[in-house]
Amino acid sequence: MKLWGGRFTKAEDKLMEQFNSSLTEDMVLVDEDIQGSIAHAEMLVHCKILTREDGEEIIRGLYSIWNEIRSGKLKIEGDHEDIHSFVEATLTARIGEAGKKLHTSRSRNDQVATDLKLYAKKQAKSVIDCLQALKNSLKEKALENNNVIMPGYTHLQRAQVVTFGYHLRAYIEMFSRDEQRLKHTIEILNENPLGSGALAGTTHDIDRDITTKKLRFHKPTANFMDGVSDRDFIIELLSDFSIIMMHLSRLSEELILWSSQEFSFIKIDDAYATGSSIMPQKKNPDAAELIRGKTGKIYGALISTLTTMKGLPLSYNKDMQEVKLPMFQAVDEVLLSLQIMDKMIATLQVNGDEMKKAIKAGFLNATEVADYLVKKGVPFRDAHGIVGAIVLYCEEKGNSIEDLTLEELTSFSEFITEDIYDYVNYSSLLNRGNKKEMIE
């Protein structure tokens, strides 16, 4: 059933019908569409635009459709243009003339904007839940390995000693910011477009505060034209998702590196790895690689949506139909990626012995030797040069700084004394200055 066929004298071309339909894409909005329709019907009854009898019949019919879709008894299918057409046509087929009255003082333009905002709000909250679960797993793994020392890197070169727990807590900070961004997105989008009509409101004396309260929005949108044409919230949500995936991808890259034989810092659980069809010895970190790969898809969804929206005049344009699918797909990918990462972190095995070997071979206490000399009164730039010479000497001799004799060390500076060995001890150096924060 077409909701707009009255002024047409010619049937829609079958190819155009297929081209125009979004039912297979936006069927995921069925909960939001029925929820919004129930709130709209209740408002129409309150404002005496619908009789109580018609309103009750419409609401009963909508609930029956909703329950049957949830149970699987009713399939969303047919040649309907979109989910809104499906719900209205199904309702009218069941309850007759009263079903045709549901759309009074409403357009699909404000209807879909409302559906999308309800969906975006619900899914943003689901992503927040997944972020919190991942943060909990990171916290638990960090606590388990709070005293396991490892190399910290800059430029992917060994730099200074950190703990594995402290390294993981860096990601907790990233995901906490992601959570705050999503909460801010929810706060901004939480305005009700319903009642905007096609673009200029309605001549019916409706009460938008009623649907706003029933649908748990903060307030109605202030401008009808903006209400139906705003898709900023989708762009903001996709931007939030892109940053989340960037953080997940960075963590994935580290898991991939650390699990390689060149590092052997960790072992990824077999449940989140795969093998090779030809090489029996292989264990590939496919879960982490897939997260890293899916990040590009989320970036693509953001760029696609920005590009679609950039040249549209007010108010609604059919182009805006094309921003729904990128959001739907991005939601699925982000939720799944967060859940997989959560499970990978929870089951991760840490190889502290290999981390210690990497520390010893990397002169990761060199900066601390410079700090030691500064505390003895040597200007930092001079201390930097002295330690550089010590490192060069160690490389030539195949030694580490802590393995040099006191005689060797004092040949570089008279300020070096026996207490240097306590200062360069990797475990004790984390108890000095603000480094204590890494193990507290």
Protein backbone atom coordinates (compact mmCIF):
# COMPACT_ATOMS: atom_id res chain seq x y z
CA MET A 1 0.00 0.00 0.00
CA LYS A 2 1.34 3.41 -0.97
CA LEU A 3 0.76 6.19 1.54
CA TRP A 4 0.99 8.84 -1.16
CA GLY A 5 -0.82 7.51 -4.24
CA GLY A 6 -3.79 9.86 -4.39
CA ARG A 7 -2.43 12.38 -6.89
CA PHE A 8 -0.80 9.82 -9.18
CA THR A 9 -2.46 8.44 -12.32
CA LYS A 10 0.31 6.00 -13.23
CA ALA A 11 1.68 3.06 -11.28
CA GLU A 12 5.22 3.20 -9.98
CA ASP A 13 7.73 1.41 -12.20
CA LYS A 14 8.70 -1.93 -10.63
CA LEU A 15 12.39 -1.05 -10.81
CA MET A 16 11.67 2.31 -9.19
CA GLU A 17 9.65 0.54 -6.53
CA GLN A 18 12.66 -1.64 -5.73
CA PHE A 19 15.00 1.34 -5.91
CA ASN A 20 12.80 3.41 -3.58
CA SER A 21 12.13 0.76 -0.94
CA SER A 22 14.01 0.75 2.35
CA LEU A 23 11.98 -1.94 4.15
CA THR A 24 14.81 -4.47 4.35
CA GLU A 25 17.07 -1.80 5.84
CA ASP A 26 14.81 -0.03 8.29
CA MET A 27 12.92 -3.03 9.66
CA VAL A 28 15.33 -2.69 12.61
CA LEU A 29 13.31 0.41 13.53
CA VAL A 30 10.11 -1.55 14.11
CA ASP A 31 10.24 -1.23 17.92
CA GLU A 32 10.80 2.52 17.71
CA ASP A 33 8.14 2.96 15.01
CA ILE A 34 5.45 1.18 17.00
CA GLN A 35 6.53 2.87 20.23
CA GLY A 36 6.28 6.28 18.55
CA SER A 37 2.93 5.42 16.96
CA ILE A 38 1.45 4.39 20.30
CA ALA A 39 2.60 7.67 21.89
CA HIS A 40 1.19 9.60 18.92
CA ALA A 41 -2.17 7.83 19.17
CA GLU A 42 -2.38 8.50 22.93
CA MET A 43 -1.67 12.17 22.29
CA LEU A 44 -4.36 12.37 19.58
CA VAL A 45 -6.90 10.92 22.01
CA HIS A 46 -5.86 13.34 24.76
CA CYS A 47 -6.27 16.27 22.35
CA LYS A 48 -9.67 14.90 21.20
CA ILE A 49 -8.46 14.58 17.63
CA LEU A 50 -9.22 10.85 17.85
CA THR A 51 -12.14 9.35 19.76
CA ARG A 52 -11.22 7.23 22.74
CA GLU A 53 -12.72 4.20 20.99
CA ASP A 54 -10.61 4.67 17.85
CA GLY A 55 -7.53 5.38 19.95
CA GLU A 56 -7.92 2.26 22.04
CA GLU A 57 -8.50 0.14 18.95
CA ILE A 58 -5.38 1.57 17.29
CA ILE A 59 -3.24 1.03 20.38
CA ARG A 60 -4.48 -2.55 20.86
CA GLY A 61 -3.75 -3.24 17.21
CA LEU A 62 -0.24 -1.80 17.46
CA TYR A 63 0.55 -3.87 20.54
CA SER A 64 -0.71 -7.04 18.85
CA ILE A 65 1.52 -6.35 15.82
CA TRP A 66 4.46 -5.63 18.11
CA ASN A 67 3.97 -8.84 20.12
CA GLU A 68 3.60 -11.00 17.01
CA ILE A 69 6.75 -9.56 15.44
CA ARG A 70 8.67 -10.25 18.65
CA SER A 71 7.40 -13.81 18.86
CA GLY A 72 8.16 -14.46 15.20
CA LYS A 73 4.53 -15.07 14.31
CA LEU A 74 4.42 -12.01 12.06
CA LYS A 75 7.16 -11.51 9.47
CA ILE A 76 8.16 -8.09 8.19
CA GLU A 77 7.85 -8.62 4.47
CA GLY A 78 5.92 -7.64 1.36
CA ASP A 79 6.13 -4.83 -1.16
CA HIS A 80 5.87 -2.08 1.43
CA GLU A 81 7.95 1.02 0.86
CA ASP A 82 9.35 1.16 4.39
CA ILE A 83 8.73 0.02 7.96
CA HIS A 84 6.23 2.87 8.50
CA SER A 85 4.13 1.69 5.55
CA PHE A 86 4.32 -1.91 6.77
CA VAL A 87 3.07 -1.06 10.26
CA GLU A 88 0.27 1.20 9.05
CA ALA A 89 -0.89 -1.23 6.32
CA THR A 90 -0.84 -4.17 8.75
CA LEU A 91 -2.75 -2.17 11.36
CA THR A 92 -5.40 -1.06 8.85
CA ALA A 93 -5.81 -4.62 7.55
CA ARG A 94 -6.51 -5.75 11.11
CA ILE A 95 -8.72 -3.02 12.53
CA GLY A 96 -10.17 -1.34 9.44
CA GLU A 97 -11.01 2.36 9.15
CA ALA A 98 -9.59 3.35 12.53
CA GLY A 99 -6.12 2.33 11.32
CA LYS A 100 -6.28 5.00 8.61
CA LYS A 101 -6.64 7.69 11.29
CA LEU A 102 -3.31 7.01 13.01
CA HIS A 103 -1.34 9.22 10.65
CA THR A 104 -3.43 12.31 11.46
CA SER A 105 -1.16 15.35 12.14
CA ARG A 106 1.92 13.28 11.38
CA SER A 107 4.25 12.91 8.37
CA ARG A 108 6.72 10.18 7.63
CA ASN A 109 9.30 12.96 7.82
CA ASP A 110 8.82 13.62 11.53
CA GLN A 111 8.01 9.94 12.08
CA VAL A 112 11.33 8.65 10.74
CA ALA A 113 13.28 11.41 12.49
CA THR A 114 11.66 10.32 15.76
CA ASP A 115 12.32 6.64 15.08
CA LEU A 116 15.96 7.32 14.30
CA LYS A 117 16.49 9.39 17.42
CA LEU A 118 14.90 6.74 19.61
CA TYR A 119 17.06 4.10 17.93
CA ALA A 120 20.24 6.18 18.23
CA LYS A 121 19.60 6.82 21.90
CA LYS A 122 18.95 3.15 22.63
CA GLN A 123 22.00 1.94 20.73
CA ALA A 124 24.28 4.61 22.24
CA LYS A 125 23.28 3.29 25.67
CA SER A 126 24.04 -0.28 24.54
CA VAL A 127 27.50 0.79 23.38
CA ILE A 128 28.06 2.53 26.73
CA ASP A 129 27.19 -0.74 28.48
CA CYS A 130 29.73 -2.59 26.34
CA LEU A 131 32.37 0.05 27.00
CA GLN A 132 31.81 -0.31 30.73
CA ALA A 133 32.13 -4.10 30.49
CA LEU A 134 35.38 -3.79 28.53
CA LYS A 135 36.73 -1.26 31.03
CA ASN A 136 35.96 -3.70 33.86
CA SER A 137 37.85 -6.48 32.07
CA LEU A 138 40.80 -4.16 31.45
CA LYS A 139 40.77 -3.13 35.10
CA GLU A 140 40.74 -6.73 36.31
CA LYS A 141 43.55 -7.72 33.96
CA ALA A 142 45.51 -4.62 34.99
CA LEU A 143 45.16 -5.49 38.69
CA GLU A 144 46.33 -9.04 38.02
CA ASN A 145 49.46 -7.67 36.34
CA ASN A 146 50.02 -4.48 38.29
CA ASN A 147 53.61 -5.44 39.19
CA VAL A 148 54.55 -7.12 35.91
CA ILE A 149 57.15 -4.82 34.37
CA MET A 150 57.41 -4.39 30.62
CA PRO A 151 58.98 -2.02 28.10
CA GLY A 152 57.07 1.13 27.31
CA TYR A 153 57.55 2.29 23.73
CA THR A 154 57.84 5.45 21.70
CA HIS A 155 58.31 5.17 17.92
CA LEU A 156 57.88 1.41 18.55
CA GLN A 157 61.34 1.51 20.16
CA ARG A 158 61.88 0.44 23.76
CA ALA A 159 61.86 3.58 25.87
CA GLN A 160 61.21 3.25 29.62
CA VAL A 161 59.92 0.69 32.06
CA VAL A 162 56.21 0.59 32.79
CA THR A 163 53.96 -2.11 34.17
CA PHE A 164 51.59 -4.16 32.07
CA GLY A 165 48.75 -3.04 34.33
CA TYR A 166 49.62 0.61 33.80
CA HIS A 167 49.73 0.10 30.03
CA LEU A 168 46.23 -1.38 30.05
CA ARG A 169 44.95 1.47 32.20
CA ALA A 170 45.84 3.87 29.39
CA TYR A 171 43.07 2.21 27.38
CA ILE A 172 40.64 2.56 30.28
CA GLU A 173 41.19 6.32 30.02
CA MET A 174 40.51 6.23 26.27
CA PHE A 175 37.31 4.23 26.64
CA SER A 176 36.17 6.50 29.49
CA ARG A 177 36.40 9.47 27.14
CA ASP A 178 34.43 7.48 24.56
CA GLU A 179 31.73 6.88 27.15
CA GLN A 180 31.54 10.60 27.92
CA ARG A 181 31.27 11.45 24.22
CA LEU A 182 28.32 9.09 23.83
CA LYS A 183 26.58 10.54 26.86
CA HIS A 184 27.02 13.99 25.38
CA THR A 185 25.59 12.78 22.06
CA ILE A 186 22.53 11.41 23.87
CA GLU A 187 22.09 14.71 25.68
CA ILE A 188 22.15 16.69 22.43
CA LEU A 189 19.87 14.41 20.40
CA ASN A 190 17.29 14.05 23.15
CA GLU A 191 14.75 16.37 21.51
CA ASN A 192 11.42 15.20 20.09
CA PRO A 193 10.79 15.86 16.34
CA LEU A 194 7.27 14.38 16.44
CA GLY A 195 4.71 17.04 15.65
CA SER A 196 6.92 18.78 13.10
CA GLY A 197 4.83 17.27 10.32
CA ALA A 198 6.39 17.25 6.88
CA LEU A 199 8.29 20.49 7.63
CA ALA A 200 5.85 23.12 8.88
CA GLY A 201 3.85 21.60 11.72
CA THR A 202 0.12 20.89 11.56
CA THR A 203 -3.15 22.79 11.76
CA HIS A 204 -4.40 20.28 14.33
CA ASP A 205 -4.17 21.47 17.92
CA ILE A 206 -1.76 18.80 19.14
CA ASP A 207 0.29 18.69 22.35
CA ARG A 208 3.93 17.85 21.66
CA ASP A 209 4.75 17.78 25.36
CA ILE A 210 2.67 14.60 25.70
CA THR A 211 4.67 12.61 23.13
CA THR A 212 7.88 14.14 24.47
CA LYS A 213 7.12 12.79 27.93
CA LYS A 214 5.88 9.40 26.72
CA LEU A 215 8.94 8.87 24.51
CA ARG A 216 11.29 10.15 27.22
CA PHE A 217 12.75 13.03 25.29
CA HIS A 218 13.90 16.10 27.22
CA LYS A 219 11.92 18.58 25.13
CA PRO A 220 10.33 19.06 21.69
CA THR A 221 12.53 20.33 18.85
CA ALA A 222 12.34 24.13 18.57
CA ASN A 223 12.08 24.35 14.78
CA PHE A 224 9.92 22.12 12.58
CA MET A 225 12.19 22.33 9.54
CA ASP A 226 15.25 21.46 11.56
CA GLY A 227 13.28 18.75 13.35
CA VAL A 228 12.63 16.76 10.16
CA SER A 229 15.95 17.44 8.43
CA ASP A 230 18.40 17.06 11.32
CA ARG A 231 20.72 14.07 11.01
CA ASP A 232 23.53 15.62 13.04
CA PHE A 233 22.92 13.03 15.74
CA ILE A 234 23.74 10.22 13.31
CA ILE A 235 26.91 11.98 12.25
CA GLU A 236 27.87 12.57 15.88
CA LEU A 237 27.14 8.97 16.78
CA LEU A 238 29.24 7.73 13.86
CA SER A 239 32.00 10.11 14.91
CA ASP A 240 31.88 8.66 18.43
CA PHE A 241 31.96 5.17 16.95
CA SER A 242 34.94 6.06 14.77
CA ILE A 243 36.94 7.17 17.79
CA ILE A 244 35.92 4.04 19.71
CA MET A 245 37.05 1.86 16.82
CA MET A 246 40.30 3.81 16.54
CA HIS A 247 40.99 3.02 20.19
CA LEU A 248 40.02 -0.63 19.68
CA SER A 249 42.25 -0.78 16.62
CA ARG A 250 45.24 0.60 18.54
CA LEU A 251 44.70 -2.00 21.26
CA SER A 252 44.26 -4.70 18.61
CA GLU A 253 47.55 -3.71 16.98
CA GLU A 254 49.34 -4.10 20.29
CA LEU A 255 47.74 -7.48 20.95
CA ILE A 256 48.81 -8.60 17.47
CA LEU A 257 52.40 -7.46 18.03
CA TRP A 258 52.64 -8.77 21.57
CA SER A 259 51.31 -12.21 20.59
CA SER A 260 53.83 -12.60 17.77
CA GLN A 261 56.88 -14.82 18.33
CA GLU A 262 59.07 -11.74 17.96
CA PHE A 263 57.51 -10.38 21.19
CA SER A 264 55.83 -13.34 22.96
CA PHE A 265 54.55 -10.97 25.65
CA ILE A 266 51.05 -12.45 25.67
CA LYS A 267 48.98 -15.40 24.51
CA ILE A 268 45.55 -14.83 23.00
CA ASP A 269 43.06 -17.50 23.99
CA ASP A 270 42.41 -20.16 21.34
CA ALA A 271 38.74 -19.13 21.26
CA TYR A 272 39.70 -15.83 19.61
CA ALA A 273 42.34 -17.08 17.19
CA THR A 274 42.33 -19.23 14.08
CA GLY A 275 44.80 -21.48 12.29
CA SER A 276 46.16 -21.90 8.79
CA SER A 277 44.73 -24.24 6.19
CA ILE A 278 48.26 -25.22 5.13
CA MET A 279 50.63 -24.42 8.03
CA PRO A 280 49.80 -26.57 11.07
CA GLN A 281 51.89 -24.53 13.49
CA LYS A 282 50.05 -21.24 12.93
CA LYS A 283 47.91 -19.46 15.49
CA ASN A 284 46.62 -16.23 14.00
CA PRO A 285 45.17 -13.33 16.06
CA ASP A 286 42.18 -13.03 13.73
CA ALA A 287 39.79 -11.45 16.24
CA ALA A 288 42.16 -8.54 16.79
CA GLU A 289 42.88 -8.27 13.06
CA LEU A 290 39.17 -8.18 12.24
CA ILE A 291 38.57 -5.38 14.73
CA ARG A 292 41.48 -3.48 13.18
CA GLY A 293 39.99 -4.08 9.72
CA LYS A 294 36.42 -3.17 10.64
CA THR A 295 37.61 0.22 11.85
CA GLY A 296 37.85 1.32 8.22
CA LYS A 297 34.20 0.40 7.66
CA ILE A 298 33.11 2.67 10.50
CA TYR A 299 35.21 5.52 9.13
CA GLY A 300 33.55 4.88 5.76
CA ALA A 301 30.09 5.12 7.33
CA LEU A 302 30.97 8.51 8.82
CA ILE A 303 32.40 9.89 5.58
CA SER A 304 29.48 8.49 3.57
CA THR A 305 26.95 10.20 5.84
CA LEU A 306 28.79 13.52 5.88
CA THR A 307 29.02 13.42 2.09
CA THR A 308 25.32 12.64 1.69
CA MET A 309 24.25 15.46 3.97
CA LYS A 310 26.67 18.17 2.86
CA GLY A 311 24.66 19.62 -0.04
CA LEU A 312 21.04 19.13 1.01
CA PRO A 313 18.74 22.16 1.18
CA LEU A 314 16.08 22.36 3.86
CA SER A 315 14.13 20.45 4.68
CA TYR A 316 13.67 16.70 4.02
CA ASN A 317 15.22 15.09 0.93
CA LYS A 318 15.07 11.46 -0.10
CA ASP A 319 18.89 11.34 -0.03
CA MET A 320 18.53 11.15 3.75
CA GLN A 321 17.20 7.62 3.41
CA GLU A 322 20.77 6.63 2.57
CA VAL A 323 22.19 7.61 5.97
CA LYS A 324 20.22 4.96 7.83
CA LEU A 325 22.00 1.82 6.67
CA PRO A 326 25.53 3.08 7.47
CA MET A 327 24.35 3.78 11.04
CA PHE A 328 22.64 0.41 11.40
CA GLN A 329 25.71 -1.44 10.15
CA ALA A 330 28.05 0.64 12.30
CA VAL A 331 26.02 -0.12 15.42
CA ASP A 332 26.31 -3.86 14.78
CA GLU A 333 30.05 -3.71 14.06
CA VAL A 334 30.89 -1.56 17.09
CA LEU A 335 28.86 -3.64 19.53
CA LEU A 336 30.37 -6.88 18.25
CA SER A 337 33.91 -5.48 18.25
CA LEU A 338 33.58 -4.27 21.84
CA GLN A 339 32.21 -7.63 22.98
CA ILE A 340 34.98 -9.58 21.25
CA MET A 341 37.67 -7.31 22.68
CA ASP A 342 36.15 -7.70 26.14
CA LYS A 343 36.42 -11.49 25.88
CA MET A 344 39.96 -11.34 24.48
CA ILE A 345 41.17 -9.17 27.34
CA ALA A 346 39.44 -11.30 29.98
CA THR A 347 41.13 -14.48 28.72
CA LEU A 348 44.55 -12.99 27.92
CA GLN A 349 47.65 -14.75 29.30
CA VAL A 350 50.61 -12.52 30.16
CA ASN A 351 54.25 -13.67 29.82
CA GLY A 352 56.13 -11.53 32.33
CA ASP A 353 59.42 -13.36 31.80
CA GLU A 354 59.61 -12.36 28.14
CA MET A 355 58.82 -8.79 29.07
CA LYS A 356 61.72 -8.76 31.53
CA LYS A 357 64.08 -10.05 28.85
CA ALA A 358 63.01 -7.25 26.52
CA ILE A 359 63.59 -4.70 29.27
CA LYS A 360 67.12 -5.89 30.00
CA ALA A 361 68.11 -5.73 26.34
CA GLY A 362 66.75 -2.25 25.79
CA PHE A 363 68.63 0.08 28.21
CA LEU A 364 65.27 1.14 29.63
CA ASN A 365 66.91 2.56 32.76
CA ALA A 366 69.03 5.05 30.79
CA THR A 367 66.73 7.98 31.58
CA GLU A 368 66.88 7.08 35.26
CA VAL A 369 70.72 7.21 35.15
CA ALA A 370 70.43 10.73 33.75
CA ASP A 371 68.00 11.63 36.56
CA TYR A 372 70.46 10.13 39.06
CA LEU A 373 73.26 12.37 37.77
CA VAL A 374 71.00 15.42 37.87
CA LYS A 375 70.27 14.70 41.53
CA LYS A 376 74.06 14.66 42.07
CA GLY A 377 74.30 18.16 40.61
CA VAL A 378 75.11 17.43 36.96
CA PRO A 379 73.21 19.67 34.49
CA PHE A 380 70.64 17.61 32.59
CA ARG A 381 72.18 18.20 29.16
CA ASP A 382 75.57 17.04 30.45
CA ALA A 383 73.93 14.05 32.14
CA HIS A 384 72.18 13.20 28.86
CA GLY A 385 75.53 13.13 27.05
CA ILE A 386 77.20 11.01 29.75
CA VAL A 387 74.45 8.40 29.65
CA GLY A 388 74.51 8.34 25.85
CA ALA A 389 78.20 7.46 26.04
CA ILE A 390 77.47 4.72 28.60
CA VAL A 391 74.83 3.20 26.31
CA LEU A 392 77.21 3.26 23.36
CA TYR A 393 79.84 1.52 25.49
CA CYS A 394 77.31 -1.12 26.60
CA GLU A 395 76.34 -1.81 22.98
CA GLU A 396 79.99 -2.33 22.05
CA LYS A 397 80.55 -4.64 25.04
CA GLY A 398 77.22 -6.45 24.78
CA ASN A 399 76.32 -5.47 28.36
CA SER A 400 73.44 -3.70 30.05
CA ILE A 401 73.97 -0.64 32.24
CA GLU A 402 73.20 -2.47 35.47
CA ASP A 403 75.79 -5.16 34.61
CA LEU A 404 78.72 -2.73 34.29
CA THR A 405 81.23 -2.60 37.13
CA LEU A 406 81.46 0.47 39.30
CA GLU A 407 84.89 1.10 37.83
CA GLU A 408 83.46 1.12 34.34
CA LEU A 409 80.65 3.46 35.34
CA THR A 410 82.88 5.93 37.21
CA SER A 411 85.08 6.22 34.13
CA PHE A 412 82.21 8.18 32.57
CA SER A 413 81.51 10.42 35.58
CA GLU A 414 83.02 11.01 39.00
CA PHE A 415 79.51 11.64 40.32
CA ILE A 416 78.59 7.95 39.96
CA THR A 417 78.92 5.98 43.18
CA GLU A 418 77.84 2.62 44.58
CA ASP A 419 74.24 3.78 45.05
CA ILE A 420 73.79 3.79 41.27
CA TYR A 421 72.88 0.10 41.30
CA ASP A 422 69.85 0.62 43.50
CA TYR A 423 68.81 3.51 41.30
CA VAL A 424 68.87 1.51 38.07
CA ASN A 425 67.16 -1.55 39.50
CA TYR A 426 64.04 -1.96 37.38
CA SER A 427 61.73 -2.89 40.22
CA SER A 428 62.88 -0.18 42.61
CA LEU A 429 62.90 2.65 40.06
CA LEU A 430 59.10 2.44 39.85
CA ASN A 431 58.96 3.50 43.50
CA ARG A 432 60.51 6.91 42.83
CA GLY A 433 58.86 10.24 42.09
CA ASN A 434 55.50 10.19 40.34
CA LYS A 435 56.37 6.79 38.85
CA LYS A 436 54.74 5.40 41.99
CA GLU A 437 51.42 6.13 40.31
CA MET A 438 52.09 3.20 37.96
CA ILE A 439 51.93 0.65 40.75
CA GLU A 440 49.52 2.30 43.18
